[in-house]
């Protein structure tokens, strides 16, 4: 272990995962750099895409090629989440070396050099571009525009106590792109969905940030967890209330049936359970509540399709 590292948090790289069991040794650091062994981030990037696609299909049920779009966005989320993690780890490699949870990430540990990481990033972006070119012009423009957020998000934690908001802007962009890929436009309905997703991210990523609050304070990294501290719980309820209100407004704008709102009520209960039960001083508990947001996101997909 590197000198000066705090030992409160364990490494975030799982041991003996499918990456270790299946992939050849030279490929493993790159799979870990993409977080292929930790898919929750991919889910949280992908689910707003599915929301946008499903919602657009509900208002444009005769849209062709929906299954093809679904597959493209799924593959795109995997690739672009990997690219985002590569950018993040390039920016944060000096910080990562000083935190036990991140010290053995591939770039921080030296398993992948900066030069090779940049080449790998280029490969991922080429694949992302090939996927983007399969979409319509509106979705392509949106796909290029989000690269600004992908590139600058890692800097946000250096200048603002709300990098979670910037992450929300980036991670929920797929709600706009999914809608646009089906309809060819951006409308009020998907904009409201986007705002709901941003509030959702503010909640779940604040929970996530509580894992690292001691290390972040030590190395000078900002986060909503540090800004809110003991006030986190009421703010989580507020973030999630905006999420549910935004999703309800989205359903009204799209003309969804009562079934959507019934399932949304179950989703609201899930978010309330997170906010009420999370132990912000237990990193493992925070991680478990954070991961449970995949279930909430899938519930909303079901709600839209059933609506």
Protein backbone atom coordinates (compact mmCIF):
# COMPACT_ATOMS: atom_id res chain seq x y z
CA UNK A 1 0.00 0.00 0.00
CA UNK A 2 1.23 3.46 -0.86
CA UNK A 3 2.54 5.64 1.94
CA UNK A 4 0.07 8.17 3.29
CA UNK A 5 -3.06 6.37 2.05
CA UNK A 6 -6.04 6.33 4.40
CA UNK A 7 -7.25 2.81 5.15
CA UNK A 8 -10.90 3.45 5.95
CA UNK A 9 -12.21 2.50 2.48
CA UNK A 10 -11.26 -0.72 0.66
CA UNK A 11 -10.40 -0.82 -3.04
CA UNK A 12 -13.38 -0.36 -5.35
CA UNK A 13 -12.02 -3.02 -7.74
CA UNK A 14 -13.71 -6.39 -7.10
CA UNK A 15 -11.45 -9.41 -6.81
CA UNK A 16 -11.97 -12.67 -8.70
CA UNK A 17 -14.64 -11.10 -10.91
CA UNK A 18 -15.39 -12.32 -14.42
CA UNK A 19 -12.62 -9.99 -15.63
CA UNK A 20 -10.06 -12.03 -13.66
CA UNK A 21 -11.56 -15.38 -14.58
CA UNK A 22 -12.22 -14.91 -18.30
CA UNK A 23 -10.12 -12.16 -19.85
CA UNK A 24 -6.45 -12.58 -20.74
CA UNK A 25 -4.09 -10.71 -18.42
CA UNK A 26 -3.19 -7.89 -20.88
CA UNK A 27 -6.88 -6.99 -21.33
CA UNK A 28 -7.80 -6.88 -17.65
CA UNK A 29 -6.52 -3.36 -16.82
CA UNK A 30 -8.46 -1.92 -19.77
CA UNK A 31 -11.65 -3.72 -18.72
CA UNK A 32 -11.18 -2.34 -15.21
CA UNK A 33 -10.53 1.13 -16.61
CA UNK A 34 -13.90 0.91 -18.39
CA UNK A 35 -15.46 -0.37 -15.12
CA UNK A 36 -16.80 -3.42 -16.95
CA UNK A 37 -16.57 -5.30 -13.66
CA UNK A 38 -18.68 -2.59 -11.95
CA UNK A 39 -21.71 -2.15 -14.23
CA UNK A 40 -23.82 0.08 -11.96
CA UNK A 41 -22.44 3.22 -13.61
CA UNK A 42 -23.35 1.87 -17.03
CA UNK A 43 -26.87 1.15 -15.81
CA UNK A 44 -27.25 4.69 -14.45
CA UNK A 45 -26.07 6.14 -17.77
CA UNK A 46 -28.21 3.77 -19.83
CA UNK A 47 -31.51 3.98 -17.97
CA UNK A 48 -32.31 7.61 -18.90
CA UNK A 49 -31.65 6.60 -22.53
CA UNK A 50 -34.23 3.85 -22.15
CA UNK A 51 -36.62 6.32 -20.51
CA UNK A 52 -36.34 8.66 -23.50
CA UNK A 53 -36.71 5.85 -26.03
CA UNK A 54 -39.69 4.30 -24.26
CA UNK A 55 -41.41 7.65 -23.78
CA UNK A 56 -40.93 8.66 -27.42
CA UNK A 57 -42.28 5.31 -28.53
CA UNK A 58 -45.40 5.86 -26.43
CA UNK A 59 -46.16 9.13 -28.20
CA UNK A 60 -44.93 7.86 -31.60
CA UNK A 61 -46.00 4.18 -31.51
CA UNK A 62 -45.49 3.67 -35.25
CA UNK A 63 -41.78 4.52 -35.02
CA UNK A 64 -39.65 2.03 -36.93
CA UNK A 65 -36.47 0.41 -35.75
CA UNK A 66 -37.06 0.83 -32.02
CA UNK A 67 -35.32 -2.47 -31.21
CA UNK A 68 -32.31 -1.33 -33.26
CA UNK A 69 -32.20 1.98 -31.37
CA UNK A 70 -32.49 0.14 -28.07
CA UNK A 71 -29.44 -1.98 -28.97
CA UNK A 72 -27.45 1.04 -30.21
CA UNK A 73 -28.05 3.01 -27.04
CA UNK A 74 -27.17 0.02 -24.87
CA UNK A 75 -23.87 -0.50 -26.66
CA UNK A 76 -23.26 3.25 -26.71
CA UNK A 77 -23.76 3.51 -22.95
CA UNK A 78 -21.17 0.80 -22.36
CA UNK A 79 -18.63 2.46 -24.66
CA UNK A 80 -19.20 6.02 -23.50
CA UNK A 81 -19.25 5.12 -19.84
CA UNK A 82 -15.86 3.52 -20.44
CA UNK A 83 -14.65 6.65 -22.21
CA UNK A 84 -15.95 8.81 -19.38
CA UNK A 85 -14.16 6.67 -16.80
CA UNK A 86 -10.95 6.92 -18.82
CA UNK A 87 -11.20 10.71 -18.92
CA UNK A 88 -12.02 10.80 -15.21
CA UNK A 89 -9.08 8.58 -14.26
CA UNK A 90 -6.68 10.59 -16.42
CA UNK A 91 -7.69 13.82 -14.68
CA UNK A 92 -7.77 12.25 -11.22
CA UNK A 93 -4.74 9.98 -11.30
CA UNK A 94 -2.84 12.02 -8.70
CA UNK A 95 -5.86 12.20 -6.40
CA UNK A 96 -6.59 8.49 -6.88
CA UNK A 97 -3.11 7.50 -5.68
CA UNK A 98 -3.85 9.13 -2.32
CA UNK A 99 -7.14 7.33 -1.59
CA UNK A 100 -7.27 3.65 -0.64
CA UNK A 101 -10.49 2.99 -2.57
CA UNK A 102 -8.98 4.23 -5.84
CA UNK A 103 -5.22 3.74 -5.45
CA UNK A 104 -5.11 0.55 -7.52
CA UNK A 105 -7.14 1.86 -10.44
CA UNK A 106 -5.20 1.09 -13.63
CA UNK A 107 -3.82 4.57 -14.38
CA UNK A 108 -3.17 5.55 -10.76
CA UNK A 109 -1.34 2.28 -10.10
CA UNK A 110 0.70 2.43 -13.32
CA UNK A 111 -0.89 -0.67 -14.85
CA UNK A 112 -1.79 1.55 -17.82
CA UNK A 113 0.43 4.47 -18.79
CA UNK A 114 -1.03 7.87 -19.58
CA UNK A 115 -0.02 7.48 -23.21
CA UNK A 116 -1.76 4.11 -23.56
CA UNK A 117 -4.82 5.45 -21.76
CA UNK A 118 -5.06 8.29 -24.28
CA UNK A 119 -4.79 5.84 -27.18
CA UNK A 120 -7.45 3.65 -25.59
CA UNK A 121 -9.67 6.71 -25.10
CA UNK A 122 -9.31 7.47 -28.81
CA UNK A 123 -10.39 3.93 -29.70
CA UNK A 124 -13.47 4.20 -27.48
CA UNK A 125 -14.42 7.56 -28.98
CA UNK A 126 -14.14 6.13 -32.51
CA UNK A 127 -16.52 3.32 -31.55
CA UNK A 128 -18.83 5.89 -29.98
CA UNK A 129 -18.75 7.93 -33.19
CA UNK A 130 -19.64 4.89 -35.29
CA UNK A 131 -22.67 4.31 -33.07
CA UNK A 132 -23.63 7.99 -33.19
CA UNK A 133 -23.56 7.99 -36.99
CA UNK A 134 -26.39 5.44 -36.99
CA UNK A 135 -28.75 8.03 -35.43
CA UNK A 136 -30.61 10.97 -36.95
CA UNK A 137 -29.14 14.46 -37.21
CA UNK A 138 -30.72 15.81 -34.01
CA UNK A 139 -29.42 12.91 -31.94
CA UNK A 140 -25.98 13.30 -33.53
CA UNK A 141 -25.77 16.96 -32.55
CA UNK A 142 -26.79 16.10 -29.00
CA UNK A 143 -24.23 13.27 -28.92
CA UNK A 144 -21.42 15.63 -29.88
CA UNK A 145 -22.57 18.33 -27.45
CA UNK A 146 -22.47 16.01 -24.43
CA UNK A 147 -18.73 15.46 -24.95
CA UNK A 148 -18.17 18.87 -23.34
CA UNK A 149 -19.76 17.57 -20.14
CA UNK A 150 -17.87 14.27 -20.34
CA UNK A 151 -14.55 16.07 -20.65
CA UNK A 152 -15.16 18.69 -17.96
CA UNK A 153 -17.03 16.75 -15.28
CA UNK A 154 -13.81 15.57 -13.56
CA UNK A 155 -12.79 19.22 -13.13
CA UNK A 156 -16.04 20.15 -11.39
CA UNK A 157 -15.01 18.60 -8.08
CA UNK A 158 -12.06 20.98 -8.00
CA UNK A 159 -14.12 24.17 -8.32
CA UNK A 160 -17.62 23.51 -6.96
CA UNK A 161 -19.24 21.69 -4.06
CA UNK A 162 -21.86 20.41 -6.50
CA UNK A 163 -20.04 18.21 -9.03
CA UNK A 164 -23.03 15.88 -8.66
CA UNK A 165 -25.09 18.44 -10.58
CA UNK A 166 -22.60 18.38 -13.46
CA UNK A 167 -22.69 14.59 -13.40
CA UNK A 168 -26.47 14.77 -13.57
CA UNK A 169 -26.27 16.96 -16.66
CA UNK A 170 -24.04 14.36 -18.35
CA UNK A 171 -25.60 11.11 -17.12
CA UNK A 172 -29.17 12.07 -18.04
CA UNK A 173 -28.37 13.47 -21.48
CA UNK A 174 -29.53 10.15 -22.87
CA UNK A 175 -33.12 11.09 -22.00
CA UNK A 176 -32.87 13.86 -24.60
CA UNK A 177 -31.00 11.71 -27.09
CA UNK A 178 -33.37 8.75 -26.77
CA UNK A 179 -36.38 10.95 -27.43
CA UNK A 180 -34.64 12.73 -30.31
CA UNK A 181 -33.50 9.46 -31.91
CA UNK A 182 -37.16 8.44 -32.28
CA UNK A 183 -38.89 11.77 -32.92
CA UNK A 184 -36.11 13.81 -34.55
CA UNK A 185 -36.64 16.72 -32.17
CA UNK A 186 -36.30 17.90 -28.58
CA UNK A 187 -39.61 18.67 -26.87
CA UNK A 188 -40.85 19.93 -23.52
CA UNK A 189 -41.76 16.39 -22.49
CA UNK A 190 -38.22 15.06 -22.73
CA UNK A 191 -36.82 18.27 -21.20
CA UNK A 192 -38.94 17.70 -18.09
CA UNK A 193 -37.77 14.08 -18.03
CA UNK A 194 -34.18 15.35 -18.21
CA UNK A 195 -34.69 17.65 -15.22
CA UNK A 196 -36.20 14.78 -13.23
CA UNK A 197 -33.13 12.69 -14.03
CA UNK A 198 -30.76 15.44 -12.89
CA UNK A 199 -32.52 15.61 -9.51
CA UNK A 200 -32.32 11.82 -9.28
CA UNK A 201 -28.57 11.93 -9.87
CA UNK A 202 -28.15 14.64 -7.23
CA UNK A 203 -29.69 12.22 -4.76
CA UNK A 204 -27.95 8.98 -5.59
CA UNK A 205 -24.53 10.51 -6.22
CA UNK A 206 -24.66 12.43 -2.95
CA UNK A 207 -25.16 9.07 -1.26
CA UNK A 208 -22.21 7.69 -3.24
CA UNK A 209 -20.00 10.67 -2.33
CA UNK A 210 -20.41 9.97 1.38
CA UNK A 211 -18.11 6.96 0.90
CA UNK A 212 -15.17 9.28 0.26
CA UNK A 213 -15.95 12.35 2.32
CA UNK A 214 -13.00 11.97 4.72
CA UNK A 215 -10.52 11.35 1.91
CA UNK A 216 -12.03 14.13 -0.19
CA UNK A 217 -11.68 16.60 2.67
CA UNK A 218 -8.06 15.55 3.16
CA UNK A 219 -7.02 16.00 -0.47
CA UNK A 220 -9.16 19.07 -1.19
CA UNK A 221 -11.85 17.56 -3.42
CA UNK A 222 -15.34 19.07 -3.18
CA UNK A 223 -18.67 17.21 -3.14
CA UNK A 224 -22.30 17.61 -2.15
CA UNK A 225 -21.66 15.12 0.66
CA UNK A 226 -19.15 17.51 2.22
CA UNK A 227 -21.34 20.54 1.56
CA UNK A 228 -24.44 19.00 3.12
CA UNK A 229 -22.90 16.89 5.88
CA UNK A 230 -25.47 16.11 8.58
CA UNK A 231 -28.16 17.87 6.52
CA UNK A 232 -27.95 15.22 3.81
CA UNK A 233 -31.15 13.34 4.66
CA UNK A 234 -33.64 16.22 4.20
CA UNK A 235 -31.88 17.21 1.00
CA UNK A 236 -32.18 13.65 -0.30
CA UNK A 237 -35.92 13.82 0.30
CA UNK A 238 -35.98 17.15 -1.56
CA UNK A 239 -33.96 15.84 -4.53
CA UNK A 240 -36.11 12.76 -4.80
CA UNK A 241 -39.33 14.78 -4.45
CA UNK A 242 -38.26 16.83 -7.48
CA UNK A 243 -37.48 13.56 -9.28
CA UNK A 244 -40.93 12.12 -8.67
CA UNK A 245 -42.67 15.43 -9.45
CA UNK A 246 -40.74 15.67 -12.72
CA UNK A 247 -41.59 12.12 -13.68
CA UNK A 248 -45.25 12.72 -12.83
CA UNK A 249 -45.26 15.86 -14.99
CA UNK A 250 -43.62 13.88 -17.79
CA UNK A 251 -46.39 11.29 -17.61
CA UNK A 252 -49.06 13.99 -17.79
CA UNK A 253 -47.40 15.71 -20.76
CA UNK A 254 -47.08 12.38 -22.59
CA UNK A 255 -50.66 11.38 -21.81
CA UNK A 256 -49.69 8.17 -20.05
CA UNK A 257 -52.34 6.10 -18.31
CA UNK A 258 -53.00 5.55 -14.61
CA UNK A 259 -50.80 2.44 -14.73
CA UNK A 260 -47.73 4.65 -15.14
CA UNK A 261 -48.59 6.69 -12.09
CA UNK A 262 -49.31 3.59 -10.01
CA UNK A 263 -45.87 2.16 -10.78
CA UNK A 264 -44.31 5.61 -10.25
CA UNK A 265 -45.81 5.55 -6.76
CA UNK A 266 -43.84 2.36 -6.08
CA UNK A 267 -40.73 4.11 -7.39
CA UNK A 268 -41.38 7.05 -5.06
CA UNK A 269 -41.60 4.64 -2.14
CA UNK A 270 -38.26 3.16 -3.14
CA UNK A 271 -36.58 6.57 -3.19
CA UNK A 272 -38.13 7.47 0.15
CA UNK A 273 -36.77 4.22 1.57
CA UNK A 274 -33.29 5.15 0.35
CA UNK A 275 -33.40 8.62 1.89
CA UNK A 276 -34.86 7.41 5.18
CA UNK A 277 -32.63 4.39 5.77
CA UNK A 278 -29.22 5.37 4.37
CA UNK A 279 -26.40 5.51 6.91
CA UNK A 280 -24.18 8.27 5.57
CA UNK A 281 -21.34 7.26 7.90
CA UNK A 282 -21.16 3.66 6.63
CA UNK A 283 -19.44 3.43 3.21
CA UNK A 284 -20.74 -0.08 2.52
CA UNK A 285 -24.30 0.99 3.35
CA UNK A 286 -23.97 4.02 1.07
CA UNK A 287 -22.74 1.84 -1.77
CA UNK A 288 -25.66 -0.57 -1.36
CA UNK A 289 -28.23 2.26 -1.42
CA UNK A 290 -26.48 3.81 -4.41
CA UNK A 291 -26.60 0.55 -6.35
CA UNK A 292 -30.30 0.13 -5.61
CA UNK A 293 -31.00 2.99 -8.00
CA UNK A 294 -30.71 0.56 -10.88
CA UNK A 295 -33.95 -0.99 -9.61
CA UNK A 296 -35.63 2.41 -9.48
CA UNK A 297 -34.53 3.21 -13.02
CA UNK A 298 -35.80 -0.11 -14.35
CA UNK A 299 -39.09 0.45 -12.54
CA UNK A 300 -39.55 3.71 -14.44
CA UNK A 301 -38.82 1.95 -17.74
CA UNK A 302 -41.57 -0.56 -16.92
CA UNK A 303 -43.90 2.26 -15.87
CA UNK A 304 -43.47 4.11 -19.17
CA UNK A 305 -43.91 0.98 -21.29
CA UNK A 306 -46.98 -0.05 -19.28
CA UNK A 307 -48.41 3.46 -19.37
